[in-house]
């Protein structure tokens, strides 16, 4: 079975815009998905990237325009300036990892739900109540965020190290088991074509 390793960040607007398209591609190609929430700011600093707030104004303006265009293209609600961004992504990432280890809900829906909470619902995903709501909406026990937090924190750190070692420098980032790499939600079509043998 083909495996797709999916590196993402729970506060990334482009991860939000990916929606559930990766999951549909995986079903189409009978592929499995290995979800890897990572510390995107750490990845940026270690791979030559710059946090959005520290970028040159030309890049900030372009990012704003591009995000609005992509959201409209995908017909997805989008708030360019959410009240809770940036926010600590560790608690939601720990909760995701705990859910992947101890729950039986929908991980794709959880990743989407957490990012949607930031970019479409103006919620604080460092708030335990919001995290619990996202877990429940994706079919998980709302208390999973508190389960094995130390183990989840260790895995989060490992995910971040694995991301850097694997050539990841942004989110979302997809890597096939043949080491084909794709950066950005706008490259999902190319991932589909690779898995189809058409590219």
C-alpha atoms as a PDB file:
ATOM      1  CA  UNK A   1       0.000   0.000   0.000  1.00  0.00           C
ATOM      2  CA  UNK A   2       1.231   3.490  -0.883  1.00  0.00           C
ATOM      3  CA  UNK A   3       1.978   5.714   2.104  1.00  0.00           C
ATOM      4  CA  UNK A   4       1.782   9.493   2.198  1.00  0.00           C
ATOM      5  CA  UNK A   5       3.553  11.218   5.062  1.00  0.00           C
ATOM      6  CA  UNK A   6       1.719  14.437   5.779  1.00  0.00           C
ATOM      7  CA  UNK A   7       3.571  17.168   7.664  1.00  0.00           C
ATOM      8  CA  UNK A   8       1.280  19.973   8.742  1.00  0.00           C
ATOM      9  CA  UNK A   9       0.798  22.723  11.308  1.00  0.00           C
ATOM     10  CA  UNK A  10      -2.422  23.332  13.183  1.00  0.00           C
ATOM     11  CA  UNK A  11      -2.104  27.107  12.732  1.00  0.00           C
ATOM     12  CA  UNK A  12      -1.181  27.076   9.032  1.00  0.00           C
ATOM     13  CA  UNK A  13      -3.687  28.835   6.737  1.00  0.00           C
ATOM     14  CA  UNK A  14      -2.532  26.778   3.786  1.00  0.00           C
ATOM     15  CA  UNK A  15      -3.102  23.582   5.778  1.00  0.00           C
ATOM     16  CA  UNK A  16      -6.647  24.844   6.338  1.00  0.00           C
ATOM     17  CA  UNK A  17      -7.116  25.502   2.628  1.00  0.00           C
ATOM     18  CA  UNK A  18      -6.054  21.916   1.880  1.00  0.00           C
ATOM     19  CA  UNK A  19      -9.363  20.902   3.436  1.00  0.00           C
ATOM     20  CA  UNK A  20     -10.011  17.190   3.062  1.00  0.00           C
ATOM     21  CA  UNK A  21      -8.609  16.832  -0.446  1.00  0.00           C
ATOM     22  CA  UNK A  22      -5.641  14.726   0.687  1.00  0.00           C
ATOM     23  CA  UNK A  23      -7.995  12.232   2.300  1.00  0.00           C
ATOM     24  CA  UNK A  24     -10.003  11.955  -0.933  1.00  0.00           C
ATOM     25  CA  UNK A  25      -6.803  11.350  -2.900  1.00  0.00           C
ATOM     26  CA  UNK A  26      -5.751   8.666  -0.419  1.00  0.00           C
ATOM     27  CA  UNK A  27      -9.084   6.870  -0.796  1.00  0.00           C
ATOM     28  CA  UNK A  28      -8.853   7.083  -4.585  1.00  0.00           C
ATOM     29  CA  UNK A  29      -5.407   5.465  -4.607  1.00  0.00           C
ATOM     30  CA  UNK A  30      -5.918   3.182  -1.600  1.00  0.00           C
ATOM     31  CA  UNK A  31      -3.065   4.965   0.142  1.00  0.00           C
ATOM     32  CA  UNK A  32      -2.464   5.372   3.842  1.00  0.00           C
ATOM     33  CA  UNK A  33      -1.716   8.718   5.475  1.00  0.00           C
ATOM     34  CA  UNK A  34       0.826   9.203   8.250  1.00  0.00           C
ATOM     35  CA  UNK A  35      -0.134  12.451   9.952  1.00  0.00           C
ATOM     36  CA  UNK A  36       2.787  14.431  11.371  1.00  0.00           C
ATOM     37  CA  UNK A  37       1.897  17.672  13.177  1.00  0.00           C
ATOM     38  CA  UNK A  38       5.096  19.691  13.541  1.00  0.00           C
ATOM     39  CA  UNK A  39       6.455  22.908  15.028  1.00  0.00           C
ATOM     40  CA  UNK A  40       6.312  25.066  11.910  1.00  0.00           C
ATOM     41  CA  UNK A  41       8.170  28.019  13.438  1.00  0.00           C
ATOM     42  CA  UNK A  42      11.076  25.735  14.333  1.00  0.00           C
ATOM     43  CA  UNK A  43      11.060  24.278  10.835  1.00  0.00           C
ATOM     44  CA  UNK A  44      11.107  27.791   9.354  1.00  0.00           C
ATOM     45  CA  UNK A  45      14.065  28.866  11.474  1.00  0.00           C
ATOM     46  CA  UNK A  46      16.071  25.758  10.624  1.00  0.00           C
ATOM     47  CA  UNK A  47      15.427  25.682   6.881  1.00  0.00           C
ATOM     48  CA  UNK A  48      15.886  29.313   5.876  1.00  0.00           C
ATOM     49  CA  UNK A  49      12.307  30.420   6.343  1.00  0.00           C
ATOM     50  CA  UNK A  50      10.978  33.471   8.175  1.00  0.00           C
ATOM     51  CA  UNK A  51       7.815  33.692  10.311  1.00  0.00           C
ATOM     52  CA  UNK A  52       5.071  35.637   8.476  1.00  0.00           C
ATOM     53  CA  UNK A  53       5.253  38.654  10.796  1.00  0.00           C
ATOM     54  CA  UNK A  54       8.997  39.091  10.147  1.00  0.00           C
ATOM     55  CA  UNK A  55       8.849  38.909   6.362  1.00  0.00           C
ATOM     56  CA  UNK A  56       9.444  41.840   4.025  1.00  0.00           C
ATOM     57  CA  UNK A  57       6.303  43.867   3.421  1.00  0.00           C
ATOM     58  CA  UNK A  58       6.181  42.749  -0.219  1.00  0.00           C
ATOM     59  CA  UNK A  59       5.967  39.127   0.909  1.00  0.00           C
ATOM     60  CA  UNK A  60       3.356  39.939   3.561  1.00  0.00           C
ATOM     61  CA  UNK A  61       1.176  41.706   0.998  1.00  0.00           C
ATOM     62  CA  UNK A  62       1.564  38.918  -1.550  1.00  0.00           C
ATOM     63  CA  UNK A  63       0.700  36.274   1.045  1.00  0.00           C
ATOM     64  CA  UNK A  64      -2.468  38.165   1.969  1.00  0.00           C
ATOM     65  CA  UNK A  65      -3.578  38.434  -1.652  1.00  0.00           C
ATOM     66  CA  UNK A  66      -2.759  34.819  -2.408  1.00  0.00           C
ATOM     67  CA  UNK A  67      -4.610  33.477   0.620  1.00  0.00           C
ATOM     68  CA  UNK A  68      -7.725  35.466  -0.293  1.00  0.00           C
ATOM     69  CA  UNK A  69      -7.557  34.281  -3.905  1.00  0.00           C
ATOM     70  CA  UNK A  70      -7.103  30.637  -2.935  1.00  0.00           C
ATOM     71  CA  UNK A  71      -9.957  30.762  -0.427  1.00  0.00           C
ATOM     72  CA  UNK A  72     -12.293  32.234  -3.048  1.00  0.00           C
ATOM     73  CA  UNK A  73     -11.131  29.705  -5.626  1.00  0.00           C
ATOM     74  CA  UNK A  74     -11.909  26.879  -3.203  1.00  0.00           C
ATOM     75  CA  UNK A  75     -15.138  28.524  -1.995  1.00  0.00           C
ATOM     76  CA  UNK A  76     -13.960  28.329   1.623  1.00  0.00           C
ATOM     77  CA  UNK A  77     -14.674  30.895   4.347  1.00  0.00           C
ATOM     78  CA  UNK A  78     -11.499  32.663   5.367  1.00  0.00           C
ATOM     79  CA  UNK A  79     -10.536  35.374   7.856  1.00  0.00           C
ATOM     80  CA  UNK A  80      -7.291  37.106   6.871  1.00  0.00           C
ATOM     81  CA  UNK A  81      -6.700  38.487  10.369  1.00  0.00           C
ATOM     82  CA  UNK A  82      -8.004  36.034  12.973  1.00  0.00           C
ATOM     83  CA  UNK A  83      -8.002  37.217  16.576  1.00  0.00           C
ATOM     84  CA  UNK A  84      -5.952  34.227  17.720  1.00  0.00           C
ATOM     85  CA  UNK A  85      -2.993  34.142  15.364  1.00  0.00           C
ATOM     86  CA  UNK A  86      -0.233  33.496  15.968  1.00  0.00           C
ATOM     87  CA  UNK A  87      -0.994  31.216  18.882  1.00  0.00           C
ATOM     88  CA  UNK A  88       0.853  28.367  20.575  1.00  0.00           C
ATOM     89  CA  UNK A  89       0.281  25.351  18.315  1.00  0.00           C
ATOM     90  CA  UNK A  90       1.743  22.810  20.755  1.00  0.00           C
ATOM     91  CA  UNK A  91      -1.440  22.031  22.767  1.00  0.00           C
ATOM     92  CA  UNK A  92      -3.518  21.303  19.667  1.00  0.00           C
ATOM     93  CA  UNK A  93      -0.665  19.286  18.156  1.00  0.00           C
ATOM     94  CA  UNK A  94      -0.308  17.233  21.341  1.00  0.00           C
ATOM     95  CA  UNK A  95      -4.056  16.599  21.292  1.00  0.00           C
ATOM     96  CA  UNK A  96      -3.851  15.462  17.667  1.00  0.00           C
ATOM     97  CA  UNK A  97      -1.042  13.042  18.465  1.00  0.00           C
ATOM     98  CA  UNK A  98      -2.943  11.650  21.465  1.00  0.00           C
ATOM     99  CA  UNK A  99      -6.006  11.203  19.269  1.00  0.00           C
ATOM    100  CA  UNK A 100      -3.961   9.347  16.673  1.00  0.00           C
ATOM    101  CA  UNK A 101      -2.624   7.010  19.346  1.00  0.00           C
ATOM    102  CA  UNK A 102      -5.625   6.463  21.575  1.00  0.00           C
ATOM    103  CA  UNK A 103      -8.740   7.357  19.608  1.00  0.00           C
ATOM    104  CA  UNK A 104     -10.788   6.001  16.738  1.00  0.00           C
ATOM    105  CA  UNK A 105     -12.162   9.147  15.155  1.00  0.00           C
ATOM    106  CA  UNK A 106     -11.345  10.835  11.852  1.00  0.00           C
ATOM    107  CA  UNK A 107      -7.825  12.320  11.844  1.00  0.00           C
ATOM    108  CA  UNK A 108      -8.356  14.170   8.576  1.00  0.00           C
ATOM    109  CA  UNK A 109     -11.451  15.821  10.000  1.00  0.00           C
ATOM    110  CA  UNK A 110      -9.531  16.717  13.158  1.00  0.00           C
ATOM    111  CA  UNK A 111      -6.670  18.378  11.263  1.00  0.00           C
ATOM    112  CA  UNK A 112      -9.177  20.300   9.182  1.00  0.00           C
ATOM    113  CA  UNK A 113     -11.298  21.176  12.201  1.00  0.00           C
ATOM    114  CA  UNK A 114      -8.387  22.640  14.146  1.00  0.00           C
ATOM    115  CA  UNK A 115      -7.222  24.810  11.255  1.00  0.00           C
ATOM    116  CA  UNK A 116     -10.784  25.811  10.400  1.00  0.00           C
ATOM    117  CA  UNK A 117     -11.244  26.930  13.994  1.00  0.00           C
ATOM    118  CA  UNK A 118      -8.420  29.451  13.499  1.00  0.00           C
ATOM    119  CA  UNK A 119      -9.052  30.671   9.970  1.00  0.00           C
ATOM    120  CA  UNK A 120     -12.826  30.463   9.596  1.00  0.00           C
ATOM    121  CA  UNK A 121     -14.295  30.400  13.110  1.00  0.00           C
ATOM    122  CA  UNK A 122     -12.011  32.878  14.897  1.00  0.00           C
ATOM    123  CA  UNK A 123     -11.272  30.500  17.792  1.00  0.00           C
ATOM    124  CA  UNK A 124      -8.218  30.044  20.005  1.00  0.00           C
ATOM    125  CA  UNK A 125      -6.859  26.543  19.436  1.00  0.00           C
ATOM    126  CA  UNK A 126      -4.581  26.816  22.448  1.00  0.00           C
ATOM    127  CA  UNK A 127      -7.758  26.870  24.580  1.00  0.00           C
ATOM    128  CA  UNK A 128      -8.523  23.397  26.020  1.00  0.00           C
ATOM    129  CA  UNK A 129     -12.252  23.941  25.481  1.00  0.00           C
ATOM    130  CA  UNK A 130     -11.776  24.656  21.775  1.00  0.00           C
ATOM    131  CA  UNK A 131      -9.467  21.657  21.396  1.00  0.00           C
ATOM    132  CA  UNK A 132     -12.037  19.444  23.104  1.00  0.00           C
ATOM    133  CA  UNK A 133     -14.761  20.725  20.771  1.00  0.00           C
ATOM    134  CA  UNK A 134     -12.609  19.922  17.742  1.00  0.00           C
ATOM    135  CA  UNK A 135     -11.865  16.439  19.051  1.00  0.00           C
ATOM    136  CA  UNK A 136     -15.556  15.717  19.610  1.00  0.00           C
ATOM    137  CA  UNK A 137     -16.545  17.058  16.198  1.00  0.00           C
ATOM    138  CA  UNK A 138     -14.085  14.630  14.582  1.00  0.00           C
ATOM    139  CA  UNK A 139     -15.451  11.653  16.521  1.00  0.00           C
ATOM    140  CA  UNK A 140     -12.910  11.532  19.350  1.00  0.00           C
ATOM    141  CA  UNK A 141     -13.261  11.652  23.119  1.00  0.00           C
ATOM    142  CA  UNK A 142     -13.004  15.310  24.080  1.00  0.00           C
ATOM    143  CA  UNK A 143     -10.695  14.435  26.981  1.00  0.00           C
ATOM    144  CA  UNK A 144      -8.003  12.844  24.813  1.00  0.00           C
ATOM    145  CA  UNK A 145      -5.974  16.058  24.904  1.00  0.00           C
ATOM    146  CA  UNK A 146      -5.013  15.236  28.484  1.00  0.00           C
ATOM    147  CA  UNK A 147      -3.931  11.666  27.751  1.00  0.00           C
ATOM    148  CA  UNK A 148      -0.160  11.009  27.737  1.00  0.00           C
ATOM    149  CA  UNK A 149       0.819  14.636  27.184  1.00  0.00           C
ATOM    150  CA  UNK A 150       4.490  13.847  27.806  1.00  0.00           C
ATOM    151  CA  UNK A 151       4.480  11.144  25.159  1.00  0.00           C
ATOM    152  CA  UNK A 152       2.670  13.443  22.744  1.00  0.00           C
ATOM    153  CA  UNK A 153       5.185  16.232  23.386  1.00  0.00           C
ATOM    154  CA  UNK A 154       8.054  13.839  22.664  1.00  0.00           C
ATOM    155  CA  UNK A 155       6.408  12.720  19.425  1.00  0.00           C
ATOM    156  CA  UNK A 156       5.815  16.346  18.399  1.00  0.00           C
ATOM    157  CA  UNK A 157       9.532  17.007  18.807  1.00  0.00           C
ATOM    158  CA  UNK A 158      10.349  13.851  16.828  1.00  0.00           C
ATOM    159  CA  UNK A 159       7.957  14.919  14.067  1.00  0.00           C
ATOM    160  CA  UNK A 160       9.712  18.270  13.815  1.00  0.00           C
ATOM    161  CA  UNK A 161      13.136  16.598  13.610  1.00  0.00           C
ATOM    162  CA  UNK A 162      11.830  14.154  11.014  1.00  0.00           C
ATOM    163  CA  UNK A 163      10.394  17.036   8.994  1.00  0.00           C
ATOM    164  CA  UNK A 164      13.726  18.849   8.792  1.00  0.00           C
ATOM    165  CA  UNK A 165      15.581  15.614   8.012  1.00  0.00           C
ATOM    166  CA  UNK A 166      13.084  14.794   5.257  1.00  0.00           C
ATOM    167  CA  UNK A 167      13.442  18.102   3.441  1.00  0.00           C
ATOM    168  CA  UNK A 168      10.309  19.784   4.763  1.00  0.00           C
ATOM    169  CA  UNK A 169      10.383  23.586   4.954  1.00  0.00           C
ATOM    170  CA  UNK A 170       6.730  24.626   5.083  1.00  0.00           C
ATOM    171  CA  UNK A 171       3.166  23.413   5.551  1.00  0.00           C
ATOM    172  CA  UNK A 172       1.325  21.554   4.294  1.00  0.00           C
ATOM    173  CA  UNK A 173       3.993  19.198   2.988  1.00  0.00           C
ATOM    174  CA  UNK A 174       3.369  15.761   1.497  1.00  0.00           C
ATOM    175  CA  UNK A 175       5.947  13.032   0.882  1.00  0.00           C
ATOM    176  CA  UNK A 176       5.235   9.739  -0.882  1.00  0.00           C
ATOM    177  CA  UNK A 177       7.021   6.507  -0.055  1.00  0.00           C
ATOM    178  CA  UNK A 178       9.061   7.022  -3.238  1.00  0.00           C
ATOM    179  CA  UNK A 179      10.260  10.381  -1.816  1.00  0.00           C
ATOM    180  CA  UNK A 180       8.217  12.534  -4.170  1.00  0.00           C
ATOM    181  CA  UNK A 181       7.759  15.805  -2.243  1.00  0.00           C
ATOM    182  CA  UNK A 182       4.983  18.362  -2.544  1.00  0.00           C
ATOM    183  CA  UNK A 183       4.783  21.690  -0.741  1.00  0.00           C
ATOM    184  CA  UNK A 184       1.477  23.501  -0.490  1.00  0.00           C
ATOM    185  CA  UNK A 185      -2.197  22.749  -0.867  1.00  0.00           C
ATOM    186  CA  UNK A 186      -1.989  23.885  -4.480  1.00  0.00           C
ATOM    187  CA  UNK A 187       0.226  20.871  -5.251  1.00  0.00           C
ATOM    188  CA  UNK A 188      -2.362  18.257  -4.297  1.00  0.00           C
ATOM    189  CA  UNK A 189      -3.318  17.846  -7.945  1.00  0.00           C
ATOM    190  CA  UNK A 190       0.290  16.958  -8.719  1.00  0.00           C
ATOM    191  CA  UNK A 191       0.321  14.425  -5.885  1.00  0.00           C
ATOM    192  CA  UNK A 192      -2.792  12.845  -7.372  1.00  0.00           C
ATOM    193  CA  UNK A 193      -1.152  12.694 -10.797  1.00  0.00           C
ATOM    194  CA  UNK A 194       2.011  11.088  -9.386  1.00  0.00           C
ATOM    195  CA  UNK A 195      -0.027   8.420  -7.622  1.00  0.00           C
ATOM    196  CA  UNK A 196      -1.960   7.852 -10.849  1.00  0.00           C
ATOM    197  CA  UNK A 197       1.287   7.333 -12.781  1.00  0.00           C
ATOM    198  CA  UNK A 198       0.413  10.250 -15.051  1.00  0.00           C
ATOM    199  CA  UNK A 199       3.241  12.539 -13.990  1.00  0.00           C
END
